[in-house]
Amino acid sequence: MNLTELNLSDRCEHFSCPERSVSPAVYILLYVCSAAVVLLTVCGNLLVIISVFHFKQLHTPTNMLVLSLAVSDFFVGALIMPFMLIWTIESCWIFGRGFCTFFLLVGGVLITLSLYNIALIAVDRYLALSNPFFYTNSISRRTMSIVVYSNWCMCLGYAITIFYFTGKVMDFVLCPGEDSFMNEVWSVIDLVVSFIFPLSVIIILYSRVFLIAKKHATAIRELNNHTRPQTQKITSHSMKSERKAAKVLGILVAVFLACLLPYYIYSLLGDIIEVPAETIHKIIIILYLNSTINPVIYALFYPWFRRCIKLIITLQIFHIDSALINVIS
């Protein structure tokens, strides 16, 4: 049996990985940069998790969804990104078949979960802006917690089902030596469930949110041009807050879609056009880098997150009644 007849798994098991074409200094720099990205992802999302958990002022229905997204991003940074980056740098999977199965399953769950978290955020913002009285009276933290738990369970169940019936989770990332196969029925189901449906929800609802936000902006300008009673001032302030939240979360969604689209474009066209393995790895890394970017967006656009970071880093959260500190001005 010659070398070309061996599959990738045999090459990794019986031979060394391909020799590096970069200098030792560049090789070390790649690992240092990878470690920095992983550390930023893990620590950034951990700060979001601690902030929402600790400060009672942040215990809102919307922040339950932000917390869910941060937890999924944290697991991406802790369980997926280190091995994905090592795989890319080494140009070879070095962790064995057993862990490869775990890697694909967890990766599939987290990708689907992130997409549905974003879709739920779009639903939340649409309800808050289109029908604020219904939202305030009907959507509680307990209700949103049930929604979040259900979302996690459904995404986990879906990923396990796909894995059970097709033998893998993601048909664009293969374990060494595994053949790419998913019958047409499951391919259509996976495309609809994990991409078309949540993406349609995101696009349609955020288009509606944009139109509603424009109407609110016009209403606020009209209120500002007239002397108004205190109740109208409160309404104006509430409308501004909702619009700002929608704007920031809209940026979050836009960045997520920018990271997601290359991955799904390849998944749709991968059988039509031939894409080099290195390019595939870069597409997947771009997808996972969204988990690194999200905490940066919070830090740039949410003053409360910057205040929380300061309180956490200075260890003031260990003071008595620190959970009651006002972090939203």
C-alpha atoms as a PDB file:
ATOM      1  CA  MET A   1       0.000   0.000   0.000  1.00  0.00           C
ATOM      2  CA  ASN A   2       1.540   3.288  -1.050  1.00  0.00           C
ATOM      3  CA  LEU A   3       1.169   6.592   0.739  1.00  0.00           C
ATOM      4  CA  THR A   4      -1.585   7.899  -1.555  1.00  0.00           C
ATOM      5  CA  GLU A   5      -3.747   4.901  -0.634  1.00  0.00           C
ATOM      6  CA  LEU A   6      -3.573   5.716   3.047  1.00  0.00           C
ATOM      7  CA  ASN A   7      -6.290   7.919   4.423  1.00  0.00           C
ATOM      8  CA  LEU A   8      -5.582  10.982   6.536  1.00  0.00           C
ATOM      9  CA  SER A   9      -6.084   9.016   9.720  1.00  0.00           C
ATOM     10  CA  ASP A  10      -3.373   6.530   8.753  1.00  0.00           C
ATOM     11  CA  ARG A  11      -0.981   9.382   7.962  1.00  0.00           C
ATOM     12  CA  CYS A  12      -1.533  10.871  11.386  1.00  0.00           C
ATOM     13  CA  GLU A  13      -1.285   7.538  13.150  1.00  0.00           C
ATOM     14  CA  HIS A  14       1.615   5.950  11.289  1.00  0.00           C
ATOM     15  CA  PHE A  15       3.533   9.009  10.146  1.00  0.00           C
ATOM     16  CA  SER A  16       4.292  12.401  11.544  1.00  0.00           C
ATOM     17  CA  CYS A  17       2.194  15.379  10.596  1.00  0.00           C
ATOM     18  CA  PRO A  18       3.359  17.293   7.514  1.00  0.00           C
ATOM     19  CA  GLU A  19       6.550  19.200   8.052  1.00  0.00           C
ATOM     20  CA  ARG A  20       6.026  22.860   8.879  1.00  0.00           C
ATOM     21  CA  SER A  21       6.756  25.269   6.071  1.00  0.00           C
ATOM     22  CA  VAL A  22       7.146  28.199   8.478  1.00  0.00           C
ATOM     23  CA  SER A  23      10.098  29.201  10.591  1.00  0.00           C
ATOM     24  CA  PRO A  24      10.206  28.280  14.303  1.00  0.00           C
ATOM     25  CA  ALA A  25       9.660  31.937  15.243  1.00  0.00           C
ATOM     26  CA  VAL A  26       6.473  32.160  13.156  1.00  0.00           C
ATOM     27  CA  TYR A  27       5.359  28.785  14.499  1.00  0.00           C
ATOM     28  CA  ILE A  28       5.754  30.000  18.097  1.00  0.00           C
ATOM     29  CA  LEU A  29       4.029  33.287  17.226  1.00  0.00           C
ATOM     30  CA  LEU A  30       1.047  31.373  15.836  1.00  0.00           C
ATOM     31  CA  TYR A  31       0.676  29.476  19.099  1.00  0.00           C
ATOM     32  CA  VAL A  32       1.057  32.653  21.172  1.00  0.00           C
ATOM     33  CA  CYS A  33      -1.623  34.423  19.113  1.00  0.00           C
ATOM     34  CA  SER A  34      -3.884  31.386  19.344  1.00  0.00           C
ATOM     35  CA  ALA A  35      -3.465  31.265  23.117  1.00  0.00           C
ATOM     36  CA  ALA A  36      -4.292  34.986  23.316  1.00  0.00           C
ATOM     37  CA  VAL A  37      -7.470  34.515  21.272  1.00  0.00           C
ATOM     38  CA  VAL A  38      -8.578  31.573  23.426  1.00  0.00           C
ATOM     39  CA  LEU A  39      -7.823  33.493  26.629  1.00  0.00           C
ATOM     40  CA  LEU A  40      -9.725  36.562  25.392  1.00  0.00           C
ATOM     41  CA  THR A  41     -12.710  34.394  24.433  1.00  0.00           C
ATOM     42  CA  VAL A  42     -12.839  32.518  27.727  1.00  0.00           C
ATOM     43  CA  CYS A  43     -12.166  35.501  30.016  1.00  0.00           C
ATOM     44  CA  GLY A  44     -14.383  37.922  28.076  1.00  0.00           C
ATOM     45  CA  ASN A  45     -17.396  35.647  28.171  1.00  0.00           C
ATOM     46  CA  LEU A  46     -16.688  34.691  31.776  1.00  0.00           C
ATOM     47  CA  LEU A  47     -16.896  38.386  32.675  1.00  0.00           C
ATOM     48  CA  VAL A  48     -20.301  38.603  30.968  1.00  0.00           C
ATOM     49  CA  ILE A  49     -21.496  35.498  32.838  1.00  0.00           C
ATOM     50  CA  ILE A  50     -20.328  36.783  36.230  1.00  0.00           C
ATOM     51  CA  SER A  51     -21.831  40.224  35.575  1.00  0.00           C
ATOM     52  CA  VAL A  52     -25.294  38.944  34.705  1.00  0.00           C
ATOM     53  CA  PHE A  53     -25.273  36.356  37.483  1.00  0.00           C
ATOM     54  CA  HIS A  54     -24.011  38.655  40.237  1.00  0.00           C
ATOM     55  CA  PHE A  55     -25.637  42.052  39.786  1.00  0.00           C
ATOM     56  CA  LYS A  56     -29.370  41.952  40.489  1.00  0.00           C
ATOM     57  CA  GLN A  57     -29.981  44.997  38.307  1.00  0.00           C
ATOM     58  CA  LEU A  58     -28.982  42.884  35.312  1.00  0.00           C
ATOM     59  CA  HIS A  59     -31.476  40.118  36.068  1.00  0.00           C
ATOM     60  CA  THR A  60     -33.747  41.005  33.149  1.00  0.00           C
ATOM     61  CA  PRO A  61     -35.397  38.723  30.575  1.00  0.00           C
ATOM     62  CA  THR A  62     -33.210  40.070  27.758  1.00  0.00           C
ATOM     63  CA  ASN A  63     -30.048  39.502  29.778  1.00  0.00           C
ATOM     64  CA  MET A  64     -31.064  35.866  30.296  1.00  0.00           C
ATOM     65  CA  LEU A  65     -30.601  35.472  26.549  1.00  0.00           C
ATOM     66  CA  VAL A  66     -27.329  37.423  26.651  1.00  0.00           C
ATOM     67  CA  LEU A  67     -26.215  35.071  29.436  1.00  0.00           C
ATOM     68  CA  SER A  68     -27.152  32.020  27.368  1.00  0.00           C
ATOM     69  CA  LEU A  69     -25.152  33.355  24.411  1.00  0.00           C
ATOM     70  CA  ALA A  70     -22.170  34.109  26.678  1.00  0.00           C
ATOM     71  CA  VAL A  71     -22.247  30.580  28.137  1.00  0.00           C
ATOM     72  CA  SER A  72     -22.278  29.008  24.670  1.00  0.00           C
ATOM     73  CA  ASP A  73     -19.449  31.349  23.591  1.00  0.00           C
ATOM     74  CA  PHE A  74     -17.503  30.413  26.740  1.00  0.00           C
ATOM     75  CA  PHE A  75     -17.754  26.718  25.853  1.00  0.00           C
ATOM     76  CA  VAL A  76     -16.639  27.492  22.298  1.00  0.00           C
ATOM     77  CA  GLY A  77     -13.530  29.183  23.713  1.00  0.00           C
ATOM     78  CA  ALA A  78     -12.843  26.439  26.251  1.00  0.00           C
ATOM     79  CA  LEU A  79     -13.752  23.260  24.348  1.00  0.00           C
ATOM     80  CA  ILE A  80     -13.561  24.004  20.619  1.00  0.00           C
ATOM     81  CA  MET A  81     -11.218  26.863  19.714  1.00  0.00           C
ATOM     82  CA  PRO A  82      -7.985  25.472  21.272  1.00  0.00           C
ATOM     83  CA  PHE A  83      -8.216  22.222  19.325  1.00  0.00           C
ATOM     84  CA  MET A  84      -9.430  23.905  16.133  1.00  0.00           C
ATOM     85  CA  LEU A  85      -6.467  26.315  16.196  1.00  0.00           C
ATOM     86  CA  ILE A  86      -3.973  23.513  16.937  1.00  0.00           C
ATOM     87  CA  TRP A  87      -5.466  21.472  14.084  1.00  0.00           C
ATOM     88  CA  THR A  88      -4.992  24.457  11.757  1.00  0.00           C
ATOM     89  CA  ILE A  89      -1.426  25.181  12.861  1.00  0.00           C
ATOM     90  CA  GLU A  90      -0.315  21.540  12.751  1.00  0.00           C
ATOM     91  CA  SER A  91      -2.268  20.747   9.534  1.00  0.00           C
ATOM     92  CA  CYS A  92      -3.144  17.437  11.156  1.00  0.00           C
ATOM     93  CA  TRP A  93      -5.596  16.134  13.768  1.00  0.00           C
ATOM     94  CA  ILE A  94      -3.451  14.856  16.646  1.00  0.00           C
ATOM     95  CA  PHE A  95      -6.053  14.128  19.326  1.00  0.00           C
ATOM     96  CA  GLY A  96      -7.401  10.744  18.213  1.00  0.00           C
ATOM     97  CA  ARG A  97     -10.728   9.481  16.889  1.00  0.00           C
ATOM     98  CA  GLY A  98     -12.565   9.351  20.203  1.00  0.00           C
ATOM     99  CA  PHE A  99     -11.977  12.990  21.010  1.00  0.00           C
ATOM    100  CA  CYS A 100     -12.733  13.905  17.396  1.00  0.00           C
ATOM    101  CA  THR A 101     -16.268  12.553  17.837  1.00  0.00           C
ATOM    102  CA  PHE A 102     -16.670  14.654  20.982  1.00  0.00           C
ATOM    103  CA  PHE A 103     -15.228  17.675  19.171  1.00  0.00           C
ATOM    104  CA  LEU A 104     -17.703  17.393  16.293  1.00  0.00           C
ATOM    105  CA  LEU A 105     -20.709  16.767  18.530  1.00  0.00           C
ATOM    106  CA  VAL A 106     -19.999  19.696  20.864  1.00  0.00           C
ATOM    107  CA  GLY A 107     -19.175  21.950  17.915  1.00  0.00           C
ATOM    108  CA  GLY A 108     -22.477  21.079  16.244  1.00  0.00           C
ATOM    109  CA  VAL A 109     -24.450  21.772  19.425  1.00  0.00           C
ATOM    110  CA  LEU A 110     -22.757  25.134  20.046  1.00  0.00           C
ATOM    111  CA  ILE A 111     -23.135  26.391  16.458  1.00  0.00           C
ATOM    112  CA  THR A 112     -26.858  25.568  16.422  1.00  0.00           C
ATOM    113  CA  LEU A 113     -27.278  26.947  19.927  1.00  0.00           C
ATOM    114  CA  SER A 114     -25.608  30.254  19.071  1.00  0.00           C
ATOM    115  CA  LEU A 115     -27.811  30.705  16.019  1.00  0.00           C
ATOM    116  CA  TYR A 116     -30.989  30.038  18.009  1.00  0.00           C
ATOM    117  CA  ASN A 117     -29.808  32.310  20.833  1.00  0.00           C
ATOM    118  CA  ILE A 118     -29.495  35.125  18.292  1.00  0.00           C
ATOM    119  CA  ALA A 119     -32.927  34.262  16.888  1.00  0.00           C
ATOM    120  CA  LEU A 120     -34.451  34.396  20.387  1.00  0.00           C
ATOM    121  CA  ILE A 121     -32.806  37.773  20.978  1.00  0.00           C
ATOM    122  CA  ALA A 122     -34.481  39.007  17.783  1.00  0.00           C
ATOM    123  CA  VAL A 123     -37.853  37.721  19.023  1.00  0.00           C
ATOM    124  CA  ASP A 124     -37.280  39.350  22.416  1.00  0.00           C
ATOM    125  CA  ARG A 125     -36.451  42.761  20.913  1.00  0.00           C
ATOM    126  CA  TYR A 126     -39.377  42.576  18.517  1.00  0.00           C
ATOM    127  CA  LEU A 127     -41.843  41.868  21.327  1.00  0.00           C
ATOM    128  CA  ALA A 128     -40.328  44.550  23.569  1.00  0.00           C
ATOM    129  CA  LEU A 129     -40.624  47.213  20.872  1.00  0.00           C
ATOM    130  CA  SER A 130     -43.829  46.195  19.121  1.00  0.00           C
ATOM    131  CA  ASN A 131     -45.913  45.456  22.215  1.00  0.00           C
ATOM    132  CA  PRO A 132     -44.153  46.822  25.324  1.00  0.00           C
ATOM    133  CA  PHE A 133     -47.182  46.404  27.629  1.00  0.00           C
ATOM    134  CA  PHE A 134     -47.591  42.740  26.714  1.00  0.00           C
ATOM    135  CA  TYR A 135     -43.829  42.219  27.044  1.00  0.00           C
ATOM    136  CA  THR A 136     -43.656  43.836  30.497  1.00  0.00           C
ATOM    137  CA  ASN A 137     -46.660  41.920  31.824  1.00  0.00           C
ATOM    138  CA  SER A 138     -46.009  38.528  30.233  1.00  0.00           C
ATOM    139  CA  ILE A 139     -42.259  38.042  29.779  1.00  0.00           C
ATOM    140  CA  SER A 140     -40.617  37.480  33.158  1.00  0.00           C
ATOM    141  CA  ARG A 141     -37.168  36.196  34.121  1.00  0.00           C
ATOM    142  CA  ARG A 142     -38.731  32.840  34.984  1.00  0.00           C
ATOM    143  CA  THR A 143     -40.441  32.623  31.589  1.00  0.00           C
ATOM    144  CA  MET A 144     -37.225  33.515  29.786  1.00  0.00           C
ATOM    145  CA  SER A 145     -35.241  31.010  31.864  1.00  0.00           C
ATOM    146  CA  ILE A 146     -37.622  28.251  30.767  1.00  0.00           C
ATOM    147  CA  VAL A 147     -37.174  29.369  27.140  1.00  0.00           C
ATOM    148  CA  VAL A 148     -33.376  29.297  27.514  1.00  0.00           C
ATOM    149  CA  TYR A 149     -33.328  25.832  29.116  1.00  0.00           C
ATOM    150  CA  SER A 150     -35.678  24.514  26.436  1.00  0.00           C
ATOM    151  CA  ASN A 151     -33.460  25.977  23.719  1.00  0.00           C
ATOM    152  CA  TRP A 152     -30.380  24.225  25.129  1.00  0.00           C
ATOM    153  CA  CYS A 153     -32.215  20.900  25.424  1.00  0.00           C
ATOM    154  CA  MET A 154     -33.650  21.085  21.894  1.00  0.00           C
ATOM    155  CA  CYS A 155     -30.302  22.008  20.321  1.00  0.00           C
ATOM    156  CA  LEU A 156     -28.556  19.198  22.188  1.00  0.00           C
ATOM    157  CA  GLY A 157     -31.266  16.721  21.198  1.00  0.00           C
ATOM    158  CA  TYR A 158     -31.144  17.841  17.565  1.00  0.00           C
ATOM    159  CA  ALA A 159     -27.339  17.547  17.352  1.00  0.00           C
ATOM    160  CA  ILE A 160     -27.418  14.066  18.909  1.00  0.00           C
ATOM    161  CA  THR A 161     -30.166  13.016  16.476  1.00  0.00           C
ATOM    162  CA  ILE A 162     -28.183  14.246  13.466  1.00  0.00           C
ATOM    163  CA  PHE A 163     -25.068  12.563  14.799  1.00  0.00           C
ATOM    164  CA  TYR A 164     -26.920   9.292  15.408  1.00  0.00           C
ATOM    165  CA  PHE A 165     -28.546   9.074  11.981  1.00  0.00           C
ATOM    166  CA  THR A 166     -25.668  10.404   9.863  1.00  0.00           C
ATOM    167  CA  GLY A 167     -22.581   9.415  11.859  1.00  0.00           C
ATOM    168  CA  LYS A 168     -21.322  12.963  12.216  1.00  0.00           C
ATOM    169  CA  VAL A 169     -22.369  16.465  13.250  1.00  0.00           C
ATOM    170  CA  MET A 170     -20.905  18.865  10.698  1.00  0.00           C
ATOM    171  CA  ASP A 171     -20.326  17.741   7.130  1.00  0.00           C
ATOM    172  CA  PHE A 172     -17.643  20.351   6.497  1.00  0.00           C
ATOM    173  CA  VAL A 173     -15.289  19.324   9.323  1.00  0.00           C
ATOM    174  CA  LEU A 174     -14.343  15.681   9.164  1.00  0.00           C
ATOM    175  CA  CYS A 175     -12.359  13.534  11.523  1.00  0.00           C
ATOM    176  CA  PRO A 176      -9.239  12.108   9.900  1.00  0.00           C
ATOM    177  CA  GLY A 177     -10.184   9.145   7.784  1.00  0.00           C
ATOM    178  CA  GLU A 178     -13.947   9.714   7.969  1.00  0.00           C
ATOM    179  CA  ASP A 179     -15.979   9.866   4.788  1.00  0.00           C
ATOM    180  CA  SER A 180     -18.351  12.741   4.200  1.00  0.00           C
ATOM    181  CA  PHE A 181     -21.868  11.358   3.895  1.00  0.00           C
ATOM    182  CA  MET A 182     -25.320  12.694   4.669  1.00  0.00           C
ATOM    183  CA  ASN A 183     -28.332  11.470   2.725  1.00  0.00           C
ATOM    184  CA  GLU A 184     -30.430  14.011   0.899  1.00  0.00           C
ATOM    185  CA  VAL A 185     -33.327  13.905   3.368  1.00  0.00           C
ATOM    186  CA  TRP A 186     -31.136  14.703   6.372  1.00  0.00           C
ATOM    187  CA  SER A 187     -29.227  17.306   4.370  1.00  0.00           C
ATOM    188  CA  VAL A 188     -32.478  19.181   3.678  1.00  0.00           C
ATOM    189  CA  ILE A 189     -33.658  18.806   7.281  1.00  0.00           C
ATOM    190  CA  ASP A 190     -30.334  20.062   8.622  1.00  0.00           C
ATOM    191  CA  LEU A 191     -30.297  23.004   6.203  1.00  0.00           C
ATOM    192  CA  VAL A 192     -33.802  24.093   7.212  1.00  0.00           C
ATOM    193  CA  VAL A 193     -33.502  23.519  10.968  1.00  0.00           C
ATOM    194  CA  SER A 194     -29.976  24.789  11.565  1.00  0.00           C
ATOM    195  CA  PHE A 195     -29.828  27.617   9.028  1.00  0.00           C
ATOM    196  CA  ILE A 196     -32.849  28.699   6.950  1.00  0.00           C
ATOM    197  CA  PHE A 197     -35.452  28.835   9.741  1.00  0.00           C
ATOM    198  CA  PRO A 198     -33.422  30.700  12.417  1.00  0.00           C
ATOM    199  CA  LEU A 199     -31.846  32.990   9.826  1.00  0.00           C
ATOM    200  CA  SER A 200     -35.285  33.849   8.409  1.00  0.00           C
ATOM    201  CA  VAL A 201     -36.527  34.675  11.911  1.00  0.00           C
ATOM    202  CA  ILE A 202     -33.517  36.925  12.521  1.00  0.00           C
ATOM    203  CA  ILE A 203     -33.790  38.824   9.223  1.00  0.00           C
ATOM    204  CA  ILE A 204     -37.585  39.265   9.279  1.00  0.00           C
ATOM    205  CA  LEU A 205     -37.834  40.323  12.923  1.00  0.00           C
ATOM    206  CA  TYR A 206     -34.853  42.675  12.835  1.00  0.00           C
ATOM    207  CA  SER A 207     -36.293  44.307   9.735  1.00  0.00           C
ATOM    208  CA  ARG A 208     -39.454  44.874  11.737  1.00  0.00           C
ATOM    209  CA  VAL A 209     -37.420  46.110  14.716  1.00  0.00           C
ATOM    210  CA  PHE A 210     -35.659  48.630  12.471  1.00  0.00           C
ATOM    211  CA  LEU A 211     -38.968  50.005  11.195  1.00  0.00           C
ATOM    212  CA  ILE A 212     -40.434  50.206  14.705  1.00  0.00           C
ATOM    213  CA  ALA A 213     -37.293  51.936  15.993  1.00  0.00           C
ATOM    214  CA  LYS A 214     -37.650  54.568  13.246  1.00  0.00           C
ATOM    215  CA  LYS A 215     -41.249  55.222  14.306  1.00  0.00           C
ATOM    216  CA  HIS A 216     -40.150  55.522  17.925  1.00  0.00           C
ATOM    217  CA  ALA A 217     -37.422  57.980  16.970  1.00  0.00           C
ATOM    218  CA  THR A 218     -40.016  60.137  15.206  1.00  0.00           C
ATOM    219  CA  ALA A 219     -42.329  59.958  18.218  1.00  0.00           C
ATOM    220  CA  ILE A 220     -39.517  60.918  20.581  1.00  0.00           C
ATOM    221  CA  ARG A 221     -38.659  63.964  18.477  1.00  0.00           C
ATOM    222  CA  GLU A 222     -42.287  65.055  18.539  1.00  0.00           C
ATOM    223  CA  LEU A 223     -42.433  64.630  22.320  1.00  0.00           C
ATOM    224  CA  ASN A 224     -39.244  66.638  22.733  1.00  0.00           C
ATOM    225  CA  ASN A 225     -40.753  69.528  20.769  1.00  0.00           C
ATOM    226  CA  HIS A 226     -43.625  69.981  23.203  1.00  0.00           C
ATOM    227  CA  THR A 227     -43.988  70.473  26.926  1.00  0.00           C
ATOM    228  CA  ARG A 228     -45.211  67.173  28.266  1.00  0.00           C
ATOM    229  CA  PRO A 229     -46.248  65.683  31.596  1.00  0.00           C
ATOM    230  CA  GLN A 230     -44.044  63.355  33.607  1.00  0.00           C
ATOM    231  CA  THR A 231     -45.713  60.222  32.240  1.00  0.00           C
ATOM    232  CA  GLN A 232     -44.737  61.175  28.697  1.00  0.00           C
ATOM    233  CA  LYS A 233     -41.155  61.810  29.819  1.00  0.00           C
ATOM    234  CA  ILE A 234     -41.032  58.317  31.296  1.00  0.00           C
ATOM    235  CA  THR A 235     -42.454  56.867  28.068  1.00  0.00           C
ATOM    236  CA  SER A 236     -39.870  58.754  26.021  1.00  0.00           C
ATOM    237  CA  HIS A 237     -37.031  57.498  28.224  1.00  0.00           C
ATOM    238  CA  SER A 238     -38.332  53.924  27.997  1.00  0.00           C
ATOM    239  CA  MET A 239     -38.564  54.151  24.213  1.00  0.00           C
ATOM    240  CA  LYS A 240     -34.995  55.453  24.015  1.00  0.00           C
ATOM    241  CA  SER A 241     -33.762  52.588  26.195  1.00  0.00           C
ATOM    242  CA  GLU A 242     -35.499  49.978  24.067  1.00  0.00           C
ATOM    243  CA  ARG A 243     -34.160  51.539  20.856  1.00  0.00           C
ATOM    244  CA  LYS A 244     -30.621  51.584  22.233  1.00  0.00           C
ATOM    245  CA  ALA A 245     -30.888  47.939  23.291  1.00  0.00           C
ATOM    246  CA  ALA A 246     -32.219  47.035  19.849  1.00  0.00           C
ATOM    247  CA  LYS A 247     -29.364  48.932  18.176  1.00  0.00           C
ATOM    248  CA  VAL A 248     -26.626  47.216  20.188  1.00  0.00           C
ATOM    249  CA  LEU A 249     -28.165  43.788  19.778  1.00  0.00           C
ATOM    250  CA  GLY A 250     -28.596  44.573  16.071  1.00  0.00           C
ATOM    251  CA  ILE A 251     -24.829  45.107  15.845  1.00  0.00           C
ATOM    252  CA  LEU A 252     -24.362  41.801  17.676  1.00  0.00           C
ATOM    253  CA  VAL A 253     -26.579  40.058  15.125  1.00  0.00           C
ATOM    254  CA  ALA A 254     -24.849  41.720  12.148  1.00  0.00           C
ATOM    255  CA  VAL A 255     -21.401  40.612  13.342  1.00  0.00           C
ATOM    256  CA  PHE A 256     -22.698  37.111  13.992  1.00  0.00           C
ATOM    257  CA  LEU A 257     -24.135  36.835  10.479  1.00  0.00           C
ATOM    258  CA  ALA A 258     -20.889  38.155   8.977  1.00  0.00           C
ATOM    259  CA  CYS A 259     -19.004  35.355  10.755  1.00  0.00           C
ATOM    260  CA  LEU A 260     -21.653  32.751   9.963  1.00  0.00           C
ATOM    261  CA  LEU A 261     -22.282  33.309   6.252  1.00  0.00           C
ATOM    262  CA  PRO A 262     -18.898  32.087   4.904  1.00  0.00           C
ATOM    263  CA  TYR A 263     -19.409  28.824   6.781  1.00  0.00           C
ATOM    264  CA  TYR A 264     -22.892  28.239   5.416  1.00  0.00           C
ATOM    265  CA  ILE A 265     -21.976  29.388   1.909  1.00  0.00           C
ATOM    266  CA  TYR A 266     -19.313  26.698   1.897  1.00  0.00           C
ATOM    267  CA  SER A 267     -21.696  24.115   3.370  1.00  0.00           C
ATOM    268  CA  LEU A 268     -24.111  24.858   0.496  1.00  0.00           C
ATOM    269  CA  LEU A 269     -21.508  25.000  -2.287  1.00  0.00           C
ATOM    270  CA  GLY A 270     -18.928  22.565  -0.925  1.00  0.00           C
ATOM    271  CA  ASP A 271     -20.106  19.780  -3.228  1.00  0.00           C
ATOM    272  CA  ILE A 272     -20.038  22.056  -6.282  1.00  0.00           C
ATOM    273  CA  ILE A 273     -16.700  23.827  -5.905  1.00  0.00           C
ATOM    274  CA  GLU A 274     -13.461  22.416  -4.596  1.00  0.00           C
ATOM    275  CA  VAL A 275     -12.122  24.334  -1.609  1.00  0.00           C
ATOM    276  CA  PRO A 276      -8.620  23.730  -0.152  1.00  0.00           C
ATOM    277  CA  ALA A 277      -8.491  22.308   3.384  1.00  0.00           C
ATOM    278  CA  GLU A 278      -6.651  25.405   4.642  1.00  0.00           C
ATOM    279  CA  THR A 279      -9.476  27.618   3.393  1.00  0.00           C
ATOM    280  CA  ILE A 280     -12.043  25.409   5.124  1.00  0.00           C
ATOM    281  CA  HIS A 281     -10.149  25.747   8.403  1.00  0.00           C
ATOM    282  CA  LYS A 282     -10.056  29.532   8.048  1.00  0.00           C
ATOM    283  CA  ILE A 283     -13.819  29.639   7.385  1.00  0.00           C
ATOM    284  CA  ILE A 284     -14.481  27.617  10.527  1.00  0.00           C
ATOM    285  CA  ILE A 285     -12.132  29.777  12.597  1.00  0.00           C
ATOM    286  CA  ILE A 286     -13.985  32.902  11.395  1.00  0.00           C
ATOM    287  CA  LEU A 287     -17.209  31.273  12.575  1.00  0.00           C
ATOM    288  CA  TYR A 288     -15.804  30.565  16.043  1.00  0.00           C
ATOM    289  CA  LEU A 289     -14.158  33.996  16.312  1.00  0.00           C
ATOM    290  CA  ASN A 290     -17.649  35.415  16.749  1.00  0.00           C
ATOM    291  CA  SER A 291     -17.449  34.067  20.307  1.00  0.00           C
ATOM    292  CA  THR A 292     -14.381  36.261  20.846  1.00  0.00           C
ATOM    293  CA  ILE A 293     -15.959  39.357  19.310  1.00  0.00           C
ATOM    294  CA  ASN A 294     -19.219  39.321  21.299  1.00  0.00           C
ATOM    295  CA  PRO A 295     -17.713  40.417  24.671  1.00  0.00           C
ATOM    296  CA  VAL A 296     -15.801  43.167  22.818  1.00  0.00           C
ATOM    297  CA  ILE A 297     -19.127  44.457  21.464  1.00  0.00           C
ATOM    298  CA  TYR A 298     -20.554  44.491  24.990  1.00  0.00           C
ATOM    299  CA  ALA A 299     -17.515  46.416  26.241  1.00  0.00           C
ATOM    300  CA  LEU A 300     -17.751  48.966  23.414  1.00  0.00           C
ATOM    301  CA  PHE A 301     -21.475  49.636  23.545  1.00  0.00           C
ATOM    302  CA  TYR A 302     -22.665  48.712  27.042  1.00  0.00           C
ATOM    303  CA  PRO A 303     -21.516  51.110  29.812  1.00  0.00           C
ATOM    304  CA  TRP A 304     -22.913  48.696  32.400  1.00  0.00           C
ATOM    305  CA  PHE A 305     -20.529  45.988  31.190  1.00  0.00           C
ATOM    306  CA  ARG A 306     -17.528  48.285  31.562  1.00  0.00           C
ATOM    307  CA  ARG A 307     -18.629  49.146  35.114  1.00  0.00           C
ATOM    308  CA  CYS A 308     -19.056  45.452  35.890  1.00  0.00           C
ATOM    309  CA  ILE A 309     -15.563  44.653  34.579  1.00  0.00           C
ATOM    310  CA  LYS A 310     -14.109  47.330  36.859  1.00  0.00           C
ATOM    311  CA  LEU A 311     -15.990  45.976  39.884  1.00  0.00           C
ATOM    312  CA  ILE A 312     -14.958  42.401  39.114  1.00  0.00           C
ATOM    313  CA  ILE A 313     -11.287  43.148  38.447  1.00  0.00           C
ATOM    314  CA  THR A 314     -10.991  45.291  41.603  1.00  0.00           C
ATOM    315  CA  LEU A 315     -12.681  42.451  43.575  1.00  0.00           C
ATOM    316  CA  GLN A 316     -15.432  44.770  44.794  1.00  0.00           C
ATOM    317  CA  ILE A 317     -17.982  42.051  43.999  1.00  0.00           C
ATOM    318  CA  PHE A 318     -16.817  40.282  47.199  1.00  0.00           C
ATOM    319  CA  HIS A 319     -18.019  43.178  49.347  1.00  0.00           C
ATOM    320  CA  ILE A 320     -21.261  42.842  51.280  1.00  0.00           C
ATOM    321  CA  ASP A 321     -24.327  43.776  49.209  1.00  0.00           C
ATOM    322  CA  SER A 322     -22.195  44.266  46.090  1.00  0.00           C
ATOM    323  CA  ALA A 323     -24.960  42.564  44.090  1.00  0.00           C
ATOM    324  CA  LEU A 324     -27.131  45.623  44.746  1.00  0.00           C
ATOM    325  CA  ILE A 325     -24.629  48.097  43.269  1.00  0.00           C
ATOM    326  CA  ASN A 326     -26.162  50.333  40.601  1.00  0.00           C
ATOM    327  CA  VAL A 327     -24.378  49.459  37.362  1.00  0.00           C
ATOM    328  CA  ILE A 328     -26.935  51.028  35.019  1.00  0.00           C
ATOM    329  CA  SER A 329     -27.052  54.798  35.157  1.00  0.00           C
END
